Amino acid sequence: AQLTSTHGAGAWGSGVSGTTEHVFHVSDSTNGLPISGVTVWVATDEAGLNILASKVTDVNGDAKFYLDPGFYYFRCRKPGYNFEQYYYEEVV
């Protein structure tokens, strides 16, 4: 399902143009430790075609985005890890 154009409008690539700070946290499901170096993309559609921004997690496993309130799809990638297809979160 694709969201409407009123669901956020962050700047592609920078992740710093919206009105709300949103921290996406990535941790290991087996030991709970944060995972650094994970590339995280945020998109407005389930297929991940309308990417608004991307960041790499820090040593705390956090990727900080500035987005407008709405619902977003987050995707993660790092060699050696298997993540869900996407994570659907609300930014308030």
Protein backbone atom coordinates (compact mmCIF):
# COMPACT_ATOMS: atom_id res chain seq x y z
CA ALA A 1 0.00 0.00 0.00
CA GLN A 2 1.39 3.39 -0.93
CA LEU A 3 0.90 6.31 1.42
CA THR A 4 -0.37 9.64 0.23
CA SER A 5 1.83 12.65 -0.38
CA THR A 6 0.71 14.11 2.95
CA HIS A 7 2.62 11.42 4.87
CA GLY A 8 5.97 13.06 5.44
CA ALA A 9 8.38 14.79 3.14
CA GLY A 10 11.91 14.31 4.43
CA ALA A 11 14.80 15.26 2.15
CA TRP A 12 16.21 12.33 0.22
CA GLY A 13 19.59 11.30 1.54
CA SER A 14 20.01 13.74 4.41
CA GLY A 15 17.23 12.68 6.79
CA VAL A 16 17.23 16.17 8.29
CA SER A 17 14.36 18.16 6.81
CA GLY A 18 11.27 17.05 8.73
CA THR A 19 9.87 18.52 11.91
CA THR A 20 10.19 15.50 14.23
CA GLU A 21 13.31 13.67 15.39
CA HIS A 22 12.86 9.91 15.03
CA VAL A 23 15.55 7.48 16.18
CA PHE A 24 15.45 4.05 14.55
CA HIS A 25 17.28 1.55 16.78
CA VAL A 26 18.83 -1.68 15.51
CA SER A 27 19.86 -4.45 17.90
CA ASP A 28 20.79 -8.12 17.65
CA SER A 29 17.75 -10.32 18.28
CA THR A 30 19.84 -13.01 19.99
CA ASN A 31 21.78 -10.93 22.52
CA GLY A 32 20.08 -7.51 22.46
CA LEU A 33 23.32 -5.67 21.71
CA PRO A 34 23.19 -2.67 19.36
CA ILE A 35 24.44 -3.16 15.81
CA SER A 36 26.56 -0.39 14.35
CA GLY A 37 27.19 0.08 10.65
CA VAL A 38 23.70 -0.92 9.50
CA THR A 39 22.42 1.04 6.52
CA VAL A 40 18.83 2.13 7.20
CA TRP A 41 16.52 3.52 4.50
CA VAL A 42 13.20 5.23 5.20
CA ALA A 43 10.45 5.20 2.57
CA THR A 44 6.80 6.16 2.29
CA ASP A 45 5.78 2.98 0.46
CA GLU A 46 5.87 -0.72 1.31
CA ALA A 47 7.85 -1.57 -1.83
CA GLY A 48 10.57 0.91 -0.85
CA LEU A 49 10.42 2.83 -4.11
CA ASN A 50 9.92 6.30 -2.60
CA ILE A 51 13.03 6.56 -0.42
CA LEU A 52 13.23 9.75 1.62
CA ALA A 53 16.54 9.30 3.41
CA SER A 54 19.24 6.85 4.43
CA LYS A 55 21.57 6.73 7.41
CA VAL A 56 24.10 4.34 8.94
CA THR A 57 23.65 3.31 12.57
CA ASP A 58 26.14 4.61 15.11
CA VAL A 59 27.89 2.62 17.88
CA ASN A 60 24.61 2.64 19.84
CA GLY A 61 22.71 1.07 16.91
CA ASP A 62 20.83 4.31 16.27
CA ALA A 63 20.01 6.05 13.00
CA LYS A 64 18.51 9.50 13.56
CA PHE A 65 16.05 10.93 11.06
CA TYR A 66 14.10 14.20 11.00
CA LEU A 67 10.71 13.43 9.43
CA ASP A 68 7.27 14.93 9.33
CA PRO A 69 4.60 13.09 11.35
CA GLY A 70 3.19 10.09 9.52
CA PHE A 71 3.79 6.41 8.86
CA TYR A 72 7.06 5.19 7.34
CA TYR A 73 8.73 1.98 6.20
CA PHE A 74 12.29 1.35 7.40
CA ARG A 75 14.62 -1.15 5.73
CA CYS A 76 17.97 -2.38 7.05
CA ARG A 77 21.04 -3.96 5.50
CA LYS A 78 24.39 -5.15 6.80
CA PRO A 79 26.38 -8.12 5.54
CA GLY A 80 26.13 -11.09 7.90
CA TYR A 81 22.69 -10.10 9.27
CA ASN A 82 19.16 -11.02 8.24
CA PHE A 83 16.57 -8.32 8.90
CA GLU A 84 12.81 -8.22 8.39
CA GLN A 85 11.71 -7.12 4.91
CA TYR A 86 10.71 -3.78 6.44
CA TYR A 87 9.67 -2.19 9.74
CA TYR A 88 6.56 -0.02 9.75
CA GLU A 89 6.60 2.82 12.29
CA GLU A 90 4.65 5.93 13.10
CA VAL A 91 6.46 9.22 13.60
CA VAL A 92 4.49 11.47 15.96
